[in-house]
């Protein structure tokens, strides 16, 4: 937080933050959050509910409450940083440069995550607080669409990118020299830093605690294949493209006097393009039906997600659910 507190943009004219707009935006956001919480579900329900036992697998470090712990910790961390960005904006009488980028990530993530879950055949843990399974668009997700995903993913991409941009800007102030090709520099450094972060946090940790399961992966791409926490080796690489793109967006937001609405729109567009490598690889597995390494089905009282009939052919007990999309 100390690093972020030193952020300045002295060469840019400050624009006051219009209070009526802030109040209206806060009211709309509050109404949306209230609606989501009132309608939220927990556990299998609707189209995926079935009277079905599931195989038990040991939890990471023997701790049985990872799902609740991760949701609470994520909510606290994201709320704290959102409060910091808000306070910074009020003190400096202008929006924090990360705000329009963060808003764009929220909007893009609201649509992209469900589609990404479908392309990767990622079955989310029904124990997560989730949207109703019959909500349009969100029902494309193989099992459920967790609410916390919409909160956490924007920060997953934002944090590493913000750290890189902050440090590069500090170095430029201290030395009086900026990178010769700043956008490529930011993209490259952010990508290199994001790969191990995504690998450890997303693939080694989140998969291991049963937050979700990549149900079907080609044998040649599978790491820890045949377990509930299998993943594809390409996953941290393709995810890091998104983080690197966010780094470029942040650099532009800090360095240029770009209107917040324009930066917001650019963020939505750029992150949509940055999602292409991730979705393209997973979609190729799905469309060619090459996911021959099946993860054990670990979700109790939940139908087996089996869009291609692979689980049925392998003799895994049903009932089965093919999903909204094939």
C-alpha atoms as a PDB file:
ATOM      1  CA  UNK A   1       0.000   0.000   0.000  1.00  0.00           C
ATOM      2  CA  UNK A   2       2.945   2.300   0.653  1.00  0.00           C
ATOM      3  CA  UNK A   3       4.021   1.964  -2.969  1.00  0.00           C
ATOM      4  CA  UNK A   4       0.568   2.762  -4.262  1.00  0.00           C
ATOM      5  CA  UNK A   5       0.255   5.771  -1.990  1.00  0.00           C
ATOM      6  CA  UNK A   6       3.109   7.511  -3.817  1.00  0.00           C
ATOM      7  CA  UNK A   7       1.337   7.455  -7.162  1.00  0.00           C
ATOM      8  CA  UNK A   8       1.215  10.893  -8.781  1.00  0.00           C
ATOM      9  CA  UNK A   9       0.519  12.244 -12.204  1.00  0.00           C
ATOM     10  CA  UNK A  10       1.793  15.829 -12.066  1.00  0.00           C
ATOM     11  CA  UNK A  11       1.619  16.555 -15.782  1.00  0.00           C
ATOM     12  CA  UNK A  12      -2.085  15.939 -16.107  1.00  0.00           C
ATOM     13  CA  UNK A  13      -4.767  18.503 -15.357  1.00  0.00           C
ATOM     14  CA  UNK A  14      -7.032  17.335 -12.577  1.00  0.00           C
ATOM     15  CA  UNK A  15     -10.728  17.008 -13.187  1.00  0.00           C
ATOM     16  CA  UNK A  16     -13.059  17.147 -10.208  1.00  0.00           C
ATOM     17  CA  UNK A  17     -15.112  14.046  -9.579  1.00  0.00           C
ATOM     18  CA  UNK A  18     -18.782  14.959 -10.086  1.00  0.00           C
ATOM     19  CA  UNK A  19     -20.510  14.091  -6.797  1.00  0.00           C
ATOM     20  CA  UNK A  20     -24.012  13.535  -8.237  1.00  0.00           C
ATOM     21  CA  UNK A  21     -22.596  10.950 -10.632  1.00  0.00           C
ATOM     22  CA  UNK A  22     -20.711   9.247  -7.844  1.00  0.00           C
ATOM     23  CA  UNK A  23     -23.824   9.105  -5.667  1.00  0.00           C
ATOM     24  CA  UNK A  24     -25.938   7.784  -8.535  1.00  0.00           C
ATOM     25  CA  UNK A  25     -23.288   5.199  -9.416  1.00  0.00           C
ATOM     26  CA  UNK A  26     -22.958   4.097  -5.801  1.00  0.00           C
ATOM     27  CA  UNK A  27     -26.741   3.762  -5.481  1.00  0.00           C
ATOM     28  CA  UNK A  28     -26.961   1.668  -8.662  1.00  0.00           C
ATOM     29  CA  UNK A  29     -24.085  -0.540  -7.536  1.00  0.00           C
ATOM     30  CA  UNK A  30     -25.692  -0.981  -4.126  1.00  0.00           C
ATOM     31  CA  UNK A  31     -29.015  -1.990  -5.670  1.00  0.00           C
ATOM     32  CA  UNK A  32     -27.272  -4.499  -7.918  1.00  0.00           C
ATOM     33  CA  UNK A  33     -25.339  -6.041  -5.022  1.00  0.00           C
ATOM     34  CA  UNK A  34     -28.509  -6.264  -2.918  1.00  0.00           C
ATOM     35  CA  UNK A  35     -30.382  -8.002  -5.736  1.00  0.00           C
ATOM     36  CA  UNK A  36     -27.567 -10.503  -6.225  1.00  0.00           C
ATOM     37  CA  UNK A  37     -27.350 -11.312  -2.508  1.00  0.00           C
ATOM     38  CA  UNK A  38     -31.114 -11.766  -2.173  1.00  0.00           C
ATOM     39  CA  UNK A  39     -31.252 -14.209  -5.085  1.00  0.00           C
ATOM     40  CA  UNK A  40     -27.947 -15.992  -4.353  1.00  0.00           C
ATOM     41  CA  UNK A  41     -27.892 -19.757  -3.915  1.00  0.00           C
ATOM     42  CA  UNK A  42     -25.543 -22.179  -2.158  1.00  0.00           C
ATOM     43  CA  UNK A  43     -25.183 -25.849  -2.943  1.00  0.00           C
ATOM     44  CA  UNK A  44     -26.584 -27.884  -5.834  1.00  0.00           C
ATOM     45  CA  UNK A  45     -29.994 -26.685  -7.033  1.00  0.00           C
ATOM     46  CA  UNK A  46     -32.193 -26.514 -10.071  1.00  0.00           C
ATOM     47  CA  UNK A  47     -30.970 -28.273 -13.210  1.00  0.00           C
ATOM     48  CA  UNK A  48     -27.869 -29.826 -11.596  1.00  0.00           C
ATOM     49  CA  UNK A  49     -29.456 -31.214  -8.420  1.00  0.00           C
ATOM     50  CA  UNK A  50     -29.439 -34.988  -8.071  1.00  0.00           C
ATOM     51  CA  UNK A  51     -29.444 -37.571  -5.288  1.00  0.00           C
ATOM     52  CA  UNK A  52     -25.915 -38.751  -5.957  1.00  0.00           C
ATOM     53  CA  UNK A  53     -22.942 -39.548  -3.692  1.00  0.00           C
ATOM     54  CA  UNK A  54     -19.455 -38.415  -4.663  1.00  0.00           C
ATOM     55  CA  UNK A  55     -15.979 -39.802  -4.188  1.00  0.00           C
ATOM     56  CA  UNK A  56     -14.102 -38.208  -1.299  1.00  0.00           C
ATOM     57  CA  UNK A  57     -10.615 -36.790  -1.868  1.00  0.00           C
ATOM     58  CA  UNK A  58      -8.282 -35.350   0.807  1.00  0.00           C
ATOM     59  CA  UNK A  59      -8.356 -31.597   1.232  1.00  0.00           C
ATOM     60  CA  UNK A  60      -5.204 -29.494   1.016  1.00  0.00           C
ATOM     61  CA  UNK A  61      -3.325 -29.672   4.347  1.00  0.00           C
ATOM     62  CA  UNK A  62      -6.355 -31.438   5.852  1.00  0.00           C
ATOM     63  CA  UNK A  63      -8.317 -28.190   6.086  1.00  0.00           C
ATOM     64  CA  UNK A  64     -12.013 -28.663   5.260  1.00  0.00           C
ATOM     65  CA  UNK A  65     -13.159 -25.048   5.037  1.00  0.00           C
ATOM     66  CA  UNK A  66     -11.203 -23.679   2.086  1.00  0.00           C
ATOM     67  CA  UNK A  67     -14.271 -22.656   0.101  1.00  0.00           C
ATOM     68  CA  UNK A  68     -15.688 -20.439   2.861  1.00  0.00           C
ATOM     69  CA  UNK A  69     -12.251 -19.094   3.787  1.00  0.00           C
ATOM     70  CA  UNK A  70     -11.366 -18.100   0.219  1.00  0.00           C
ATOM     71  CA  UNK A  71     -14.687 -16.328  -0.305  1.00  0.00           C
ATOM     72  CA  UNK A  72     -14.397 -14.320   2.914  1.00  0.00           C
ATOM     73  CA  UNK A  73     -10.718 -13.444   2.369  1.00  0.00           C
ATOM     74  CA  UNK A  74     -11.397 -12.391  -1.229  1.00  0.00           C
ATOM     75  CA  UNK A  75     -14.282 -10.165  -0.186  1.00  0.00           C
ATOM     76  CA  UNK A  76     -12.199  -8.464   2.509  1.00  0.00           C
ATOM     77  CA  UNK A  77      -9.189  -7.903   0.220  1.00  0.00           C
ATOM     78  CA  UNK A  78     -11.157  -6.603  -2.750  1.00  0.00           C
ATOM     79  CA  UNK A  79     -13.309  -4.339  -0.598  1.00  0.00           C
ATOM     80  CA  UNK A  80     -10.199  -2.888   1.045  1.00  0.00           C
ATOM     81  CA  UNK A  81      -8.579  -2.020  -2.270  1.00  0.00           C
ATOM     82  CA  UNK A  82     -11.812  -0.602  -3.655  1.00  0.00           C
ATOM     83  CA  UNK A  83     -12.046   1.597  -0.573  1.00  0.00           C
ATOM     84  CA  UNK A  84      -8.436   2.702  -1.103  1.00  0.00           C
ATOM     85  CA  UNK A  85      -9.099   3.681  -4.724  1.00  0.00           C
ATOM     86  CA  UNK A  86     -12.229   5.576  -3.617  1.00  0.00           C
ATOM     87  CA  UNK A  87     -10.446   7.475  -0.834  1.00  0.00           C
ATOM     88  CA  UNK A  88      -7.549   8.310  -3.180  1.00  0.00           C
ATOM     89  CA  UNK A  89     -10.019   9.670  -5.725  1.00  0.00           C
ATOM     90  CA  UNK A  90     -11.706  11.916  -3.174  1.00  0.00           C
ATOM     91  CA  UNK A  91      -8.428  13.241  -1.774  1.00  0.00           C
ATOM     92  CA  UNK A  92      -7.040  14.029  -5.222  1.00  0.00           C
ATOM     93  CA  UNK A  93     -10.332  15.318  -6.670  1.00  0.00           C
ATOM     94  CA  UNK A  94     -10.067  12.944  -9.647  1.00  0.00           C
ATOM     95  CA  UNK A  95     -10.570   9.278 -10.313  1.00  0.00           C
ATOM     96  CA  UNK A  96      -7.703   6.969  -9.499  1.00  0.00           C
ATOM     97  CA  UNK A  97      -6.198   5.911 -12.857  1.00  0.00           C
ATOM     98  CA  UNK A  98      -6.918   2.271 -12.011  1.00  0.00           C
ATOM     99  CA  UNK A  99     -10.650   2.911 -11.551  1.00  0.00           C
ATOM    100  CA  UNK A 100     -11.744   2.956 -15.229  1.00  0.00           C
ATOM    101  CA  UNK A 101      -9.592  -0.109 -15.913  1.00  0.00           C
ATOM    102  CA  UNK A 102     -11.061  -1.925 -12.917  1.00  0.00           C
ATOM    103  CA  UNK A 103     -14.595  -1.016 -13.996  1.00  0.00           C
ATOM    104  CA  UNK A 104     -13.920  -2.343 -17.488  1.00  0.00           C
ATOM    105  CA  UNK A 105     -12.584  -5.579 -16.029  1.00  0.00           C
ATOM    106  CA  UNK A 106     -15.722  -5.973 -13.918  1.00  0.00           C
ATOM    107  CA  UNK A 107     -17.981  -5.548 -16.934  1.00  0.00           C
ATOM    108  CA  UNK A 108     -15.882  -7.775 -19.181  1.00  0.00           C
ATOM    109  CA  UNK A 109     -15.540 -10.397 -16.471  1.00  0.00           C
ATOM    110  CA  UNK A 110     -19.295 -10.499 -15.962  1.00  0.00           C
ATOM    111  CA  UNK A 111     -19.674 -11.966 -19.439  1.00  0.00           C
ATOM    112  CA  UNK A 112     -16.299 -13.549 -20.161  1.00  0.00           C
ATOM    113  CA  UNK A 113     -16.030 -15.774 -17.096  1.00  0.00           C
ATOM    114  CA  UNK A 114     -19.120 -17.815 -17.884  1.00  0.00           C
ATOM    115  CA  UNK A 115     -17.959 -18.375 -21.455  1.00  0.00           C
ATOM    116  CA  UNK A 116     -14.448 -19.232 -20.250  1.00  0.00           C
ATOM    117  CA  UNK A 117     -15.899 -21.836 -17.893  1.00  0.00           C
ATOM    118  CA  UNK A 118     -17.746 -23.383 -20.819  1.00  0.00           C
ATOM    119  CA  UNK A 119     -14.742 -23.496 -23.168  1.00  0.00           C
ATOM    120  CA  UNK A 120     -12.552 -25.055 -20.465  1.00  0.00           C
ATOM    121  CA  UNK A 121     -15.260 -27.450 -19.195  1.00  0.00           C
ATOM    122  CA  UNK A 122     -14.584 -26.048 -15.727  1.00  0.00           C
ATOM    123  CA  UNK A 123     -17.125 -27.343 -13.214  1.00  0.00           C
ATOM    124  CA  UNK A 124     -17.361 -24.846 -10.380  1.00  0.00           C
ATOM    125  CA  UNK A 125     -17.889 -26.102  -6.839  1.00  0.00           C
ATOM    126  CA  UNK A 126     -21.640 -25.795  -6.104  1.00  0.00           C
ATOM    127  CA  UNK A 127     -20.724 -25.046  -2.492  1.00  0.00           C
ATOM    128  CA  UNK A 128     -19.661 -21.574  -3.582  1.00  0.00           C
ATOM    129  CA  UNK A 129     -22.262 -18.828  -3.240  1.00  0.00           C
ATOM    130  CA  UNK A 130     -23.591 -18.636  -6.783  1.00  0.00           C
ATOM    131  CA  UNK A 131     -26.175 -17.118  -9.083  1.00  0.00           C
ATOM    132  CA  UNK A 132     -29.355 -19.132  -9.726  1.00  0.00           C
ATOM    133  CA  UNK A 133     -28.627 -21.834 -12.282  1.00  0.00           C
ATOM    134  CA  UNK A 134     -31.489 -20.721 -14.532  1.00  0.00           C
ATOM    135  CA  UNK A 135     -30.275 -17.148 -15.080  1.00  0.00           C
ATOM    136  CA  UNK A 136     -29.697 -16.486 -18.812  1.00  0.00           C
ATOM    137  CA  UNK A 137     -26.054 -16.241 -19.980  1.00  0.00           C
ATOM    138  CA  UNK A 138     -24.826 -17.370 -16.563  1.00  0.00           C
ATOM    139  CA  UNK A 139     -26.479 -20.748 -17.140  1.00  0.00           C
ATOM    140  CA  UNK A 140     -23.859 -21.520 -19.804  1.00  0.00           C
ATOM    141  CA  UNK A 141     -21.359 -22.277 -17.038  1.00  0.00           C
ATOM    142  CA  UNK A 142     -21.147 -26.087 -16.686  1.00  0.00           C
ATOM    143  CA  UNK A 143     -22.369 -26.323 -13.073  1.00  0.00           C
ATOM    144  CA  UNK A 144     -22.789 -22.942 -11.386  1.00  0.00           C
ATOM    145  CA  UNK A 145     -21.472 -19.408 -11.824  1.00  0.00           C
ATOM    146  CA  UNK A 146     -19.955 -18.283  -8.480  1.00  0.00           C
ATOM    147  CA  UNK A 147     -20.623 -14.717  -7.389  1.00  0.00           C
ATOM    148  CA  UNK A 148     -17.108 -14.316  -6.017  1.00  0.00           C
ATOM    149  CA  UNK A 149     -15.653 -14.888  -9.504  1.00  0.00           C
ATOM    150  CA  UNK A 150     -17.024 -11.558 -10.676  1.00  0.00           C
ATOM    151  CA  UNK A 151     -15.384  -9.894  -7.680  1.00  0.00           C
ATOM    152  CA  UNK A 152     -12.038 -11.668  -7.624  1.00  0.00           C
ATOM    153  CA  UNK A 153     -10.990 -12.029 -11.265  1.00  0.00           C
ATOM    154  CA  UNK A 154     -10.650  -8.303 -12.048  1.00  0.00           C
ATOM    155  CA  UNK A 155      -8.207  -8.003  -9.147  1.00  0.00           C
ATOM    156  CA  UNK A 156      -6.361 -11.158 -10.186  1.00  0.00           C
ATOM    157  CA  UNK A 157      -5.414  -9.345 -13.389  1.00  0.00           C
ATOM    158  CA  UNK A 158      -5.137  -5.882 -11.845  1.00  0.00           C
ATOM    159  CA  UNK A 159      -2.774  -6.481  -8.903  1.00  0.00           C
ATOM    160  CA  UNK A 160       0.336  -7.736 -10.755  1.00  0.00           C
ATOM    161  CA  UNK A 161      -0.160  -5.154 -13.510  1.00  0.00           C
ATOM    162  CA  UNK A 162      -0.596  -2.323 -11.006  1.00  0.00           C
ATOM    163  CA  UNK A 163       2.570  -3.346  -9.153  1.00  0.00           C
ATOM    164  CA  UNK A 164       4.625  -3.350 -12.374  1.00  0.00           C
ATOM    165  CA  UNK A 165       3.295   0.016 -13.564  1.00  0.00           C
ATOM    166  CA  UNK A 166       3.775   1.613 -10.137  1.00  0.00           C
ATOM    167  CA  UNK A 167       7.401   0.439  -9.891  1.00  0.00           C
ATOM    168  CA  UNK A 168       8.248   1.479 -13.462  1.00  0.00           C
ATOM    169  CA  UNK A 169       6.761   4.937 -12.882  1.00  0.00           C
ATOM    170  CA  UNK A 170       8.722   5.326  -9.643  1.00  0.00           C
ATOM    171  CA  UNK A 171      11.927   4.329 -11.427  1.00  0.00           C
ATOM    172  CA  UNK A 172      11.185   6.848 -14.193  1.00  0.00           C
ATOM    173  CA  UNK A 173      10.744   9.635 -11.621  1.00  0.00           C
ATOM    174  CA  UNK A 174      13.966   8.723  -9.816  1.00  0.00           C
ATOM    175  CA  UNK A 175      16.118   8.414 -12.938  1.00  0.00           C
ATOM    176  CA  UNK A 176      14.325  10.927 -15.133  1.00  0.00           C
ATOM    177  CA  UNK A 177      14.109   8.338 -17.906  1.00  0.00           C
ATOM    178  CA  UNK A 178      11.119   6.359 -19.120  1.00  0.00           C
ATOM    179  CA  UNK A 179      11.344   3.052 -20.984  1.00  0.00           C
ATOM    180  CA  UNK A 180      12.115   3.597 -24.671  1.00  0.00           C
ATOM    181  CA  UNK A 181       9.133   1.476 -25.673  1.00  0.00           C
ATOM    182  CA  UNK A 182       6.977   1.691 -22.549  1.00  0.00           C
ATOM    183  CA  UNK A 183       3.964  -0.296 -23.730  1.00  0.00           C
ATOM    184  CA  UNK A 184       6.041  -3.284 -24.865  1.00  0.00           C
ATOM    185  CA  UNK A 185       8.149  -3.034 -21.713  1.00  0.00           C
ATOM    186  CA  UNK A 186       5.097  -3.051 -19.466  1.00  0.00           C
ATOM    187  CA  UNK A 187       3.531  -5.911 -21.416  1.00  0.00           C
ATOM    188  CA  UNK A 188       6.670  -8.056 -21.285  1.00  0.00           C
ATOM    189  CA  UNK A 189       7.506  -7.521 -17.616  1.00  0.00           C
ATOM    190  CA  UNK A 190       3.905  -7.999 -16.513  1.00  0.00           C
ATOM    191  CA  UNK A 191       3.603 -11.206 -18.515  1.00  0.00           C
ATOM    192  CA  UNK A 192       6.775 -12.683 -17.013  1.00  0.00           C
ATOM    193  CA  UNK A 193       5.643 -11.838 -13.474  1.00  0.00           C
ATOM    194  CA  UNK A 194       2.066 -13.026 -14.024  1.00  0.00           C
ATOM    195  CA  UNK A 195       2.983 -16.536 -15.230  1.00  0.00           C
ATOM    196  CA  UNK A 196       4.232 -17.867 -11.857  1.00  0.00           C
ATOM    197  CA  UNK A 197       1.481 -15.996  -9.999  1.00  0.00           C
ATOM    198  CA  UNK A 198      -1.246 -17.587 -12.119  1.00  0.00           C
ATOM    199  CA  UNK A 199       0.434 -20.964 -11.945  1.00  0.00           C
ATOM    200  CA  UNK A 200       0.657 -20.982  -8.140  1.00  0.00           C
ATOM    201  CA  UNK A 201      -2.586 -19.195  -7.294  1.00  0.00           C
ATOM    202  CA  UNK A 202      -4.918 -20.470 -10.015  1.00  0.00           C
ATOM    203  CA  UNK A 203      -3.578 -23.916 -10.944  1.00  0.00           C
ATOM    204  CA  UNK A 204      -1.743 -25.170  -7.871  1.00  0.00           C
ATOM    205  CA  UNK A 205      -3.957 -23.638  -5.182  1.00  0.00           C
ATOM    206  CA  UNK A 206      -7.487 -22.958  -6.485  1.00  0.00           C
ATOM    207  CA  UNK A 207      -7.728 -26.262  -8.335  1.00  0.00           C
ATOM    208  CA  UNK A 208      -6.238 -28.141  -5.390  1.00  0.00           C
ATOM    209  CA  UNK A 209      -8.807 -26.865  -2.870  1.00  0.00           C
ATOM    210  CA  UNK A 210     -11.682 -27.914  -5.147  1.00  0.00           C
ATOM    211  CA  UNK A 211     -12.784 -24.418  -6.093  1.00  0.00           C
ATOM    212  CA  UNK A 212     -13.351 -25.838  -9.570  1.00  0.00           C
ATOM    213  CA  UNK A 213     -12.402 -28.874 -11.626  1.00  0.00           C
ATOM    214  CA  UNK A 214     -11.187 -28.929 -15.224  1.00  0.00           C
ATOM    215  CA  UNK A 215     -13.279 -31.967 -16.074  1.00  0.00           C
ATOM    216  CA  UNK A 216     -11.780 -32.979 -19.441  1.00  0.00           C
ATOM    217  CA  UNK A 217      -8.225 -32.319 -20.696  1.00  0.00           C
ATOM    218  CA  UNK A 218      -6.175 -33.974 -23.463  1.00  0.00           C
ATOM    219  CA  UNK A 219      -3.647 -36.402 -22.030  1.00  0.00           C
ATOM    220  CA  UNK A 220      -0.695 -34.566 -23.635  1.00  0.00           C
ATOM    221  CA  UNK A 221      -1.700 -31.277 -21.968  1.00  0.00           C
ATOM    222  CA  UNK A 222      -2.767 -32.561 -18.551  1.00  0.00           C
ATOM    223  CA  UNK A 223      -0.768 -31.881 -15.388  1.00  0.00           C
ATOM    224  CA  UNK A 224      -1.775 -34.063 -12.414  1.00  0.00           C
ATOM    225  CA  UNK A 225      -4.069 -35.821 -14.883  1.00  0.00           C
ATOM    226  CA  UNK A 226      -6.772 -38.094 -13.543  1.00  0.00           C
ATOM    227  CA  UNK A 227      -7.134 -36.173 -10.267  1.00  0.00           C
ATOM    228  CA  UNK A 228      -9.822 -33.599  -9.337  1.00  0.00           C
ATOM    229  CA  UNK A 229      -7.142 -30.887  -9.452  1.00  0.00           C
ATOM    230  CA  UNK A 230      -5.821 -31.540 -12.954  1.00  0.00           C
ATOM    231  CA  UNK A 231      -5.068 -28.575 -15.221  1.00  0.00           C
ATOM    232  CA  UNK A 232      -3.502 -27.852 -18.607  1.00  0.00           C
ATOM    233  CA  UNK A 233       0.093 -26.606 -18.738  1.00  0.00           C
ATOM    234  CA  UNK A 234      -0.928 -23.815 -21.120  1.00  0.00           C
ATOM    235  CA  UNK A 235      -3.331 -22.280 -18.595  1.00  0.00           C
ATOM    236  CA  UNK A 236      -0.953 -19.931 -16.698  1.00  0.00           C
ATOM    237  CA  UNK A 237       0.568 -18.767 -19.989  1.00  0.00           C
ATOM    238  CA  UNK A 238      -2.707 -17.811 -21.662  1.00  0.00           C
ATOM    239  CA  UNK A 239      -4.099 -16.194 -18.509  1.00  0.00           C
ATOM    240  CA  UNK A 240      -0.987 -14.028 -18.302  1.00  0.00           C
ATOM    241  CA  UNK A 241      -1.785 -12.452 -21.674  1.00  0.00           C
ATOM    242  CA  UNK A 242      -4.797 -10.858 -20.006  1.00  0.00           C
ATOM    243  CA  UNK A 243      -2.720  -9.580 -17.080  1.00  0.00           C
ATOM    244  CA  UNK A 244      -0.118  -8.133 -19.461  1.00  0.00           C
ATOM    245  CA  UNK A 245      -2.823  -6.370 -21.463  1.00  0.00           C
ATOM    246  CA  UNK A 246      -4.160  -4.852 -18.238  1.00  0.00           C
ATOM    247  CA  UNK A 247      -0.647  -3.561 -17.494  1.00  0.00           C
ATOM    248  CA  UNK A 248      -0.636  -1.694 -20.817  1.00  0.00           C
ATOM    249  CA  UNK A 249      -4.074  -0.240 -20.084  1.00  0.00           C
ATOM    250  CA  UNK A 250      -2.918   0.975 -16.681  1.00  0.00           C
ATOM    251  CA  UNK A 251       0.189   2.593 -18.138  1.00  0.00           C
ATOM    252  CA  UNK A 252      -1.960   4.485 -20.637  1.00  0.00           C
ATOM    253  CA  UNK A 253      -4.418   5.511 -17.923  1.00  0.00           C
ATOM    254  CA  UNK A 254      -1.589   6.872 -15.755  1.00  0.00           C
ATOM    255  CA  UNK A 255       0.364   8.562 -18.524  1.00  0.00           C
ATOM    256  CA  UNK A 256      -2.319  10.201 -20.626  1.00  0.00           C
ATOM    257  CA  UNK A 257      -5.195  12.511 -19.858  1.00  0.00           C
ATOM    258  CA  UNK A 258      -7.755   9.967 -20.994  1.00  0.00           C
ATOM    259  CA  UNK A 259     -11.387  10.414 -20.077  1.00  0.00           C
ATOM    260  CA  UNK A 260     -12.637   7.708 -17.718  1.00  0.00           C
ATOM    261  CA  UNK A 261     -15.495   6.623 -19.979  1.00  0.00           C
ATOM    262  CA  UNK A 262     -13.167   6.258 -22.961  1.00  0.00           C
ATOM    263  CA  UNK A 263     -10.643   4.294 -20.894  1.00  0.00           C
ATOM    264  CA  UNK A 264     -13.461   2.091 -19.638  1.00  0.00           C
ATOM    265  CA  UNK A 265     -14.554   1.275 -23.183  1.00  0.00           C
ATOM    266  CA  UNK A 266     -10.995   0.602 -24.309  1.00  0.00           C
ATOM    267  CA  UNK A 267     -10.516  -1.768 -21.354  1.00  0.00           C
ATOM    268  CA  UNK A 268     -13.596  -3.797 -22.271  1.00  0.00           C
ATOM    269  CA  UNK A 269     -12.430  -4.073 -25.885  1.00  0.00           C
ATOM    270  CA  UNK A 270      -8.786  -4.900 -25.141  1.00  0.00           C
ATOM    271  CA  UNK A 271      -9.536  -7.489 -22.457  1.00  0.00           C
ATOM    272  CA  UNK A 272     -12.049  -9.143 -24.792  1.00  0.00           C
ATOM    273  CA  UNK A 273      -9.244  -9.537 -27.331  1.00  0.00           C
ATOM    274  CA  UNK A 274      -6.784 -10.657 -24.636  1.00  0.00           C
ATOM    275  CA  UNK A 275      -9.170 -13.449 -23.632  1.00  0.00           C
ATOM    276  CA  UNK A 276      -8.921 -14.951 -27.126  1.00  0.00           C
ATOM    277  CA  UNK A 277      -5.720 -17.027 -26.579  1.00  0.00           C
ATOM    278  CA  UNK A 278      -7.139 -18.495 -23.372  1.00  0.00           C
ATOM    279  CA  UNK A 279     -10.526 -19.383 -24.844  1.00  0.00           C
ATOM    280  CA  UNK A 280      -9.118 -20.461 -28.205  1.00  0.00           C
ATOM    281  CA  UNK A 281      -6.889 -23.186 -26.725  1.00  0.00           C
ATOM    282  CA  UNK A 282      -9.568 -24.547 -24.421  1.00  0.00           C
ATOM    283  CA  UNK A 283     -12.205 -24.356 -27.167  1.00  0.00           C
ATOM    284  CA  UNK A 284      -9.947 -26.371 -29.488  1.00  0.00           C
ATOM    285  CA  UNK A 285      -9.879 -29.173 -26.897  1.00  0.00           C
ATOM    286  CA  UNK A 286     -13.633 -29.081 -26.584  1.00  0.00           C
ATOM    287  CA  UNK A 287     -14.581 -28.781 -30.247  1.00  0.00           C
ATOM    288  CA  UNK A 288     -12.242 -31.608 -31.284  1.00  0.00           C
ATOM    289  CA  UNK A 289     -13.438 -33.757 -28.379  1.00  0.00           C
ATOM    290  CA  UNK A 290      -9.832 -34.441 -27.433  1.00  0.00           C
ATOM    291  CA  UNK A 291     -10.315 -34.169 -23.677  1.00  0.00           C
ATOM    292  CA  UNK A 292      -9.599 -37.830 -22.959  1.00  0.00           C
ATOM    293  CA  UNK A 293      -8.296 -37.365 -19.398  1.00  0.00           C
ATOM    294  CA  UNK A 294     -11.313 -37.165 -17.086  1.00  0.00           C
ATOM    295  CA  UNK A 295     -11.256 -35.734 -13.583  1.00  0.00           C
ATOM    296  CA  UNK A 296     -13.090 -37.712 -10.879  1.00  0.00           C
ATOM    297  CA  UNK A 297     -16.499 -36.187 -10.133  1.00  0.00           C
ATOM    298  CA  UNK A 298     -16.243 -34.849  -6.572  1.00  0.00           C
ATOM    299  CA  UNK A 299     -19.425 -32.800  -6.156  1.00  0.00           C
ATOM    300  CA  UNK A 300     -22.013 -34.523  -4.012  1.00  0.00           C
ATOM    301  CA  UNK A 301     -25.701 -34.386  -5.012  1.00  0.00           C
ATOM    302  CA  UNK A 302     -24.703 -32.843  -8.338  1.00  0.00           C
ATOM    303  CA  UNK A 303     -25.284 -34.281 -11.816  1.00  0.00           C
ATOM    304  CA  UNK A 304     -22.134 -35.207 -13.720  1.00  0.00           C
ATOM    305  CA  UNK A 305     -21.334 -32.628 -16.370  1.00  0.00           C
ATOM    306  CA  UNK A 306     -20.952 -34.782 -19.469  1.00  0.00           C
ATOM    307  CA  UNK A 307     -21.576 -32.830 -22.703  1.00  0.00           C
ATOM    308  CA  UNK A 308     -19.888 -35.395 -24.984  1.00  0.00           C
ATOM    309  CA  UNK A 309     -20.858 -38.571 -23.131  1.00  0.00           C
ATOM    310  CA  UNK A 310     -17.256 -39.315 -22.082  1.00  0.00           C
ATOM    311  CA  UNK A 311     -18.089 -39.925 -18.420  1.00  0.00           C
ATOM    312  CA  UNK A 312     -20.908 -42.313 -19.362  1.00  0.00           C
ATOM    313  CA  UNK A 313     -18.564 -44.222 -21.700  1.00  0.00           C
ATOM    314  CA  UNK A 314     -15.965 -44.431 -18.918  1.00  0.00           C
ATOM    315  CA  UNK A 315     -18.545 -46.028 -16.610  1.00  0.00           C
ATOM    316  CA  UNK A 316     -18.828 -43.122 -14.177  1.00  0.00           C
ATOM    317  CA  UNK A 317     -22.262 -43.375 -12.489  1.00  0.00           C
ATOM    318  CA  UNK A 318     -24.849 -40.742 -13.466  1.00  0.00           C
ATOM    319  CA  UNK A 319     -27.179 -38.986 -13.665  1.00  0.00           C
ATOM    320  CA  UNK A 320     -25.577 -36.772 -16.299  1.00  0.00           C
ATOM    321  CA  UNK A 321     -26.068 -33.230 -17.474  1.00  0.00           C
ATOM    322  CA  UNK A 322     -25.046 -32.090 -20.962  1.00  0.00           C
ATOM    323  CA  UNK A 323     -25.216 -28.377 -20.267  1.00  0.00           C
ATOM    324  CA  UNK A 324     -26.953 -25.567 -22.125  1.00  0.00           C
ATOM    325  CA  UNK A 325     -24.370 -25.533 -24.928  1.00  0.00           C
ATOM    326  CA  UNK A 326     -22.914 -28.733 -26.419  1.00  0.00           C
END
